[in-house]
């Protein structure tokens, strides 16, 4: 396995984790949890978007 492949796998895992975490915290907030859950959800969603944008920059890496 090439290093770029492992990197892409790890970035994908991070995207999935932060998307799940954002949804989980948003669901808790909508169920009556404190505002801190909403803040965590928004931050996690922002990290998800950032990782997606970063992943898109990897498109040409590792190709010759």
PDB file of N, CA and C in Angstrom:
ATOM      1  N   UNK A   1       0.845  -1.168   0.000  1.00  0.00           N
ATOM      2  CA  UNK A   1       0.000   0.000   0.000  1.00  0.00           C
ATOM      3  C   UNK A   1       0.894   1.236   0.000  1.00  0.00           C
ATOM      4  N   UNK A   2       0.529   2.175  -0.830  1.00  0.00           N
ATOM      5  CA  UNK A   2       1.282   3.425  -0.884  1.00  0.00           C
ATOM      6  C   UNK A   2       0.845   4.340   0.248  1.00  0.00           C
ATOM      7  N   UNK A   3       1.719   5.232   0.618  1.00  0.00           N
ATOM      8  CA  UNK A   3       1.439   6.144   1.716  1.00  0.00           C
ATOM      9  C   UNK A   3       0.231   7.036   1.427  1.00  0.00           C
ATOM     10  N   UNK A   4       0.076   7.486   0.194  1.00  0.00           N
ATOM     11  CA  UNK A   4      -1.050   8.359  -0.142  1.00  0.00           C
ATOM     12  C   UNK A   4      -2.372   7.614  -0.001  1.00  0.00           C
ATOM     13  N   UNK A   5      -2.373   6.308  -0.286  1.00  0.00           N
ATOM     14  CA  UNK A   5      -3.589   5.511  -0.122  1.00  0.00           C
ATOM     15  C   UNK A   5      -3.984   5.426   1.348  1.00  0.00           C
ATOM     16  N   UNK A   6      -3.011   5.173   2.198  1.00  0.00           N
ATOM     17  CA  UNK A   6      -3.288   5.128   3.635  1.00  0.00           C
ATOM     18  C   UNK A   6      -3.774   6.489   4.129  1.00  0.00           C
ATOM     19  N   UNK A   7      -3.188   7.548   3.618  1.00  0.00           N
ATOM     20  CA  UNK A   7      -3.587   8.892   4.010  1.00  0.00           C
ATOM     21  C   UNK A   7      -5.034   9.160   3.612  1.00  0.00           C
ATOM     22  N   UNK A   8      -5.408   8.774   2.404  1.00  0.00           N
ATOM     23  CA  UNK A   8      -6.783   8.956   1.949  1.00  0.00           C
ATOM     24  C   UNK A   8      -7.766   8.172   2.802  1.00  0.00           C
ATOM     25  N   UNK A   9      -7.378   6.960   3.191  1.00  0.00           N
ATOM     26  CA  UNK A   9      -8.240   6.138   4.044  1.00  0.00           C
ATOM     27  C   UNK A   9      -8.445   6.820   5.397  1.00  0.00           C
ATOM     28  N   UNK A  10      -7.378   7.345   5.974  1.00  0.00           N
ATOM     29  CA  UNK A  10      -7.481   8.011   7.268  1.00  0.00           C
ATOM     30  C   UNK A  10      -8.312   9.295   7.186  1.00  0.00           C
ATOM     31  N   UNK A  11      -8.145  10.046   6.115  1.00  0.00           N
ATOM     32  CA  UNK A  11      -8.936  11.263   5.946  1.00  0.00           C
ATOM     33  C   UNK A  11     -10.412  10.905   5.790  1.00  0.00           C
ATOM     34  N   UNK A  12     -10.709   9.854   5.034  1.00  0.00           N
ATOM     35  CA  UNK A  12     -12.095   9.405   4.879  1.00  0.00           C
ATOM     36  C   UNK A  12     -12.689   8.987   6.220  1.00  0.00           C
ATOM     37  N   UNK A  13     -11.916   8.282   7.021  1.00  0.00           N
ATOM     38  CA  UNK A  13     -12.387   7.884   8.354  1.00  0.00           C
ATOM     39  C   UNK A  13     -12.669   9.116   9.213  1.00  0.00           C
ATOM     40  N   UNK A  14     -11.813  10.126   9.112  1.00  0.00           N
ATOM     41  CA  UNK A  14     -12.040  11.367   9.851  1.00  0.00           C
ATOM     42  C   UNK A  14     -13.305  12.078   9.410  1.00  0.00           C
ATOM     43  N   UNK A  15     -13.548  12.106   8.104  1.00  0.00           N
ATOM     44  CA  UNK A  15     -14.756  12.735   7.571  1.00  0.00           C
ATOM     45  C   UNK A  15     -15.989  12.029   8.112  1.00  0.00           C
ATOM     46  N   UNK A  16     -15.981  10.703   8.051  1.00  0.00           N
ATOM     47  CA  UNK A  16     -17.134   9.939   8.540  1.00  0.00           C
ATOM     48  C   UNK A  16     -17.351  10.133  10.034  1.00  0.00           C
ATOM     49  N   UNK A  17     -16.258  10.143  10.801  1.00  0.00           N
ATOM     50  CA  UNK A  17     -16.378  10.325  12.247  1.00  0.00           C
ATOM     51  C   UNK A  17     -16.966  11.684  12.588  1.00  0.00           C
ATOM     52  N   UNK A  18     -16.411  12.750  12.015  1.00  0.00           N
ATOM     53  CA  UNK A  18     -16.883  14.082  12.365  1.00  0.00           C
ATOM     54  C   UNK A  18     -18.304  14.331  11.864  1.00  0.00           C
ATOM     55  N   UNK A  19     -18.687  13.738  10.733  1.00  0.00           N
ATOM     56  CA  UNK A  19     -20.068  13.869  10.260  1.00  0.00           C
ATOM     57  C   UNK A  19     -21.019  13.160  11.225  1.00  0.00           C
ATOM     58  N   UNK A  20     -20.643  11.956  11.667  1.00  0.00           N
ATOM     59  CA  UNK A  20     -21.459  11.232  12.638  1.00  0.00           C
ATOM     60  C   UNK A  20     -21.564  12.008  13.952  1.00  0.00           C
ATOM     61  N   UNK A  21     -20.437  12.515  14.426  1.00  0.00           N
ATOM     62  CA  UNK A  21     -20.413  13.245  15.696  1.00  0.00           C
ATOM     63  C   UNK A  21     -21.266  14.507  15.619  1.00  0.00           C
ATOM     64  N   UNK A  22     -21.198  15.210  14.494  1.00  0.00           N
ATOM     65  CA  UNK A  22     -22.017  16.418  14.326  1.00  0.00           C
ATOM     66  C   UNK A  22     -23.500  16.075  14.373  1.00  0.00           C
ATOM     67  N   UNK A  23     -23.882  15.019  13.693  1.00  0.00           N
ATOM     68  CA  UNK A  23     -25.283  14.604  13.708  1.00  0.00           C
ATOM     69  C   UNK A  23     -25.738  14.153  15.081  1.00  0.00           C
ATOM     70  N   UNK A  24     -24.885  13.431  15.770  1.00  0.00           N
ATOM     71  CA  UNK A  24     -25.210  12.941  17.105  1.00  0.00           C
ATOM     72  C   UNK A  24     -25.420  14.100  18.082  1.00  0.00           C
ATOM     73  N   UNK A  25     -24.501  15.088  18.041  1.00  0.00           N
ATOM     74  CA  UNK A  25     -24.627  16.236  18.940  1.00  0.00           C
ATOM     75  C   UNK A  25     -25.830  17.103  18.576  1.00  0.00           C
ATOM     76  N   UNK A  26     -26.121  17.258  17.290  1.00  0.00           N
ATOM     77  CA  UNK A  26     -27.283  18.027  16.877  1.00  0.00           C
ATOM     78  C   UNK A  26     -28.564  17.351  17.364  1.00  0.00           C
ATOM     79  N   UNK A  27     -28.605  16.048  17.250  1.00  0.00           N
ATOM     80  CA  UNK A  27     -29.783  15.304  17.722  1.00  0.00           C
ATOM     81  C   UNK A  27     -29.970  15.472  19.232  1.00  0.00           C
ATOM     82  N   UNK A  28     -28.866  15.443  19.978  1.00  0.00           N
ATOM     83  CA  UNK A  28     -28.957  15.656  21.425  1.00  0.00           C
ATOM     84  C   UNK A  28     -29.463  17.064  21.731  1.00  0.00           C
ATOM     85  N   UNK A  29     -28.951  18.052  20.996  1.00  0.00           N
ATOM     86  CA  UNK A  29     -29.375  19.443  21.217  1.00  0.00           C
ATOM     87  C   UNK A  29     -30.863  19.600  20.945  1.00  0.00           C
ATOM     88  N   UNK A  30     -31.334  19.010  19.865  1.00  0.00           N
ATOM     89  CA  UNK A  30     -32.752  19.112  19.520  1.00  0.00           C
ATOM     90  C   UNK A  30     -33.633  18.379  20.521  1.00  0.00           C
ATOM     91  N   UNK A  31     -33.042  17.452  21.266  1.00  0.00           N
ATOM     92  CA  UNK A  31     -33.772  16.722  22.292  1.00  0.00           C
ATOM     93  C   UNK A  31     -33.798  17.435  23.630  1.00  0.00           C
ATOM     94  N   UNK A  32     -33.204  18.608  23.727  1.00  0.00           N
ATOM     95  CA  UNK A  32     -33.264  19.378  24.959  1.00  0.00           C
ATOM     96  C   UNK A  32     -31.946  19.501  25.699  1.00  0.00           C
ATOM     97  N   UNK A  33     -30.862  19.089  25.089  1.00  0.00           N
ATOM     98  CA  UNK A  33     -29.552  19.196  25.729  1.00  0.00           C
ATOM     99  C   UNK A  33     -29.081  20.655  25.716  1.00  0.00           C
ATOM    100  N   UNK A  34     -28.048  20.986  26.491  1.00  0.00           N
ATOM    101  CA  UNK A  34     -27.581  22.376  26.557  1.00  0.00           C
ATOM    102  C   UNK A  34     -26.985  22.869  25.232  1.00  0.00           C
ATOM    103  N   UNK A  35     -26.758  24.154  25.172  1.00  0.00           N
ATOM    104  CA  UNK A  35     -26.249  24.805  23.965  1.00  0.00           C
ATOM    105  C   UNK A  35     -24.861  24.307  23.575  1.00  0.00           C
ATOM    106  N   UNK A  36     -24.124  23.772  24.530  1.00  0.00           N
ATOM    107  CA  UNK A  36     -22.788  23.262  24.208  1.00  0.00           C
ATOM    108  C   UNK A  36     -22.853  22.149  23.160  1.00  0.00           C
ATOM    109  N   UNK A  37     -23.933  21.387  23.150  1.00  0.00           N
ATOM    110  CA  UNK A  37     -24.083  20.353  22.126  1.00  0.00           C
ATOM    111  C   UNK A  37     -24.252  20.965  20.739  1.00  0.00           C
ATOM    112  N   UNK A  38     -24.952  22.080  20.656  1.00  0.00           N
ATOM    113  CA  UNK A  38     -25.093  22.768  19.371  1.00  0.00           C
ATOM    114  C   UNK A  38     -23.743  23.304  18.898  1.00  0.00           C
ATOM    115  N   UNK A  39     -22.973  23.867  19.813  1.00  0.00           N
ATOM    116  CA  UNK A  39     -21.646  24.392  19.458  1.00  0.00           C
ATOM    117  C   UNK A  39     -20.751  23.267  18.966  1.00  0.00           C
ATOM    118  N   UNK A  40     -20.761  22.132  19.664  1.00  0.00           N
ATOM    119  CA  UNK A  40     -19.948  20.992  19.242  1.00  0.00           C
ATOM    120  C   UNK A  40     -20.393  20.475  17.881  1.00  0.00           C
ATOM    121  N   UNK A  41     -21.685  20.502  17.630  1.00  0.00           N
ATOM    122  CA  UNK A  41     -22.201  20.053  16.347  1.00  0.00           C
ATOM    123  C   UNK A  41     -21.733  20.961  15.210  1.00  0.00           C
ATOM    124  N   UNK A  42     -21.796  22.258  15.432  1.00  0.00           N
ATOM    125  CA  UNK A  42     -21.376  23.214  14.406  1.00  0.00           C
ATOM    126  C   UNK A  42     -19.875  23.099  14.135  1.00  0.00           C
ATOM    127  N   UNK A  43     -19.086  22.984  15.188  1.00  0.00           N
ATOM    128  CA  UNK A  43     -17.630  22.845  15.016  1.00  0.00           C
ATOM    129  C   UNK A  43     -17.308  21.543  14.288  1.00  0.00           C
ATOM    130  N   UNK A  44     -17.969  20.457  14.649  1.00  0.00           N
ATOM    131  CA  UNK A  44     -17.729  19.178  13.986  1.00  0.00           C
ATOM    132  C   UNK A  44     -18.128  19.233  12.517  1.00  0.00           C
ATOM    133  N   UNK A  45     -19.215  19.922  12.212  1.00  0.00           N
ATOM    134  CA  UNK A  45     -19.622  20.078  10.816  1.00  0.00           C
ATOM    135  C   UNK A  45     -18.593  20.898  10.042  1.00  0.00           C
ATOM    136  N   UNK A  46     -18.029  21.920  10.676  1.00  0.00           N
ATOM    137  CA  UNK A  46     -16.999  22.728  10.021  1.00  0.00           C
ATOM    138  C   UNK A  46     -15.741  21.899   9.766  1.00  0.00           C
ATOM    139  N   UNK A  47     -15.372  21.063  10.707  1.00  0.00           N
ATOM    140  CA  UNK A  47     -14.210  20.188  10.516  1.00  0.00           C
ATOM    141  C   UNK A  47     -14.485  19.204   9.378  1.00  0.00           C
ATOM    142  N   UNK A  48     -15.707  18.695   9.313  1.00  0.00           N
ATOM    143  CA  UNK A  48     -16.079  17.783   8.225  1.00  0.00           C
ATOM    144  C   UNK A  48     -15.913  18.466   6.866  1.00  0.00           C
ATOM    145  N   UNK A  49     -16.408  19.673   6.749  1.00  0.00           N
ATOM    146  CA  UNK A  49     -16.287  20.421   5.487  1.00  0.00           C
ATOM    147  C   UNK A  49     -14.809  20.668   5.161  1.00  0.00           C
ATOM    148  N   UNK A  50     -14.039  21.047   6.171  1.00  0.00           N
ATOM    149  CA  UNK A  50     -12.610  21.272   5.956  1.00  0.00           C
ATOM    150  C   UNK A  50     -11.886  20.018   5.482  1.00  0.00           C
ATOM    151  N   UNK A  51     -12.211  18.881   6.080  1.00  0.00           N
ATOM    152  CA  UNK A  51     -11.579  17.627   5.650  1.00  0.00           C
ATOM    153  C   UNK A  51     -12.004  17.238   4.234  1.00  0.00           C
ATOM    154  N   UNK A  52     -13.252  17.501   3.886  1.00  0.00           N
ATOM    155  CA  UNK A  52     -13.703  17.205   2.525  1.00  0.00           C
ATOM    156  C   UNK A  52     -12.946  18.070   1.520  1.00  0.00           C
ATOM    157  N   UNK A  53     -12.796  19.348   1.837  1.00  0.00           N
ATOM    158  CA  UNK A  53     -12.047  20.230   0.936  1.00  0.00           C
ATOM    159  C   UNK A  53     -10.589  19.790   0.820  1.00  0.00           C
ATOM    160  N   UNK A  54     -10.012  19.369   1.939  1.00  0.00           N
ATOM    161  CA  UNK A  54      -8.633  18.881   1.911  1.00  0.00           C
ATOM    162  C   UNK A  54      -8.532  17.600   1.086  1.00  0.00           C
ATOM    163  N   UNK A  55      -9.473  16.702   1.264  1.00  0.00           N
ATOM    164  CA  UNK A  55      -9.460  15.439   0.517  1.00  0.00           C
ATOM    165  C   UNK A  55      -9.501  15.683  -0.991  1.00  0.00           C
ATOM    166  N   UNK A  56     -10.258  16.689  -1.387  1.00  0.00           N
ATOM    167  CA  UNK A  56     -10.346  16.998  -2.816  1.00  0.00           C
ATOM    168  C   UNK A  56      -9.007  17.476  -3.384  1.00  0.00           C
ATOM    169  N   UNK A  57      -8.144  18.062  -2.546  1.00  0.00           N
ATOM    170  CA  UNK A  57      -6.834  18.499  -3.032  1.00  0.00           C
ATOM    171  C   UNK A  57      -5.901  17.322  -3.267  1.00  0.00           C
ATOM    172  N   UNK A  58      -6.241  16.156  -2.738  1.00  0.00           N
ATOM    173  CA  UNK A  58      -5.385  14.976  -2.887  1.00  0.00           C
ATOM    174  C   UNK A  58      -5.613  14.236  -4.196  1.00  0.00           C
ATOM    175  N   UNK A  59      -6.523  14.724  -5.011  1.00  0.00           N
ATOM    176  CA  UNK A  59      -6.911  14.016  -6.226  1.00  0.00           C
ATOM    177  C   UNK A  59      -5.708  13.647  -7.110  1.00  0.00           C
ATOM    178  N   UNK A  60      -4.800  14.554  -7.331  1.00  0.00           N
ATOM    179  CA  UNK A  60      -3.691  14.296  -8.237  1.00  0.00           C
ATOM    180  C   UNK A  60      -2.449  13.725  -7.579  1.00  0.00           C
ATOM    181  N   UNK A  61      -2.434  13.608  -6.275  1.00  0.00           N
ATOM    182  CA  UNK A  61      -1.233  13.144  -5.569  1.00  0.00           C
ATOM    183  C   UNK A  61      -1.026  11.650  -5.791  1.00  0.00           C
ATOM    184  N   UNK A  62       0.206  11.277  -5.912  1.00  0.00           N
ATOM    185  CA  UNK A  62       0.550   9.856  -6.019  1.00  0.00           C
ATOM    186  C   UNK A  62       0.372   9.282  -7.410  1.00  0.00           C
ATOM    187  N   UNK A  63       0.076  10.103  -8.386  1.00  0.00           N
ATOM    188  CA  UNK A  63      -0.100   9.610  -9.753  1.00  0.00           C
ATOM    189  C   UNK A  63       1.061  10.059 -10.614  1.00  0.00           C
ATOM    190  N   UNK A  64       1.550   9.166 -11.413  1.00  0.00           N
ATOM    191  CA  UNK A  64       2.647   9.500 -12.340  1.00  0.00           C
ATOM    192  C   UNK A  64       2.340   9.010 -13.715  1.00  0.00           C
TER     193      UNK A  64
END
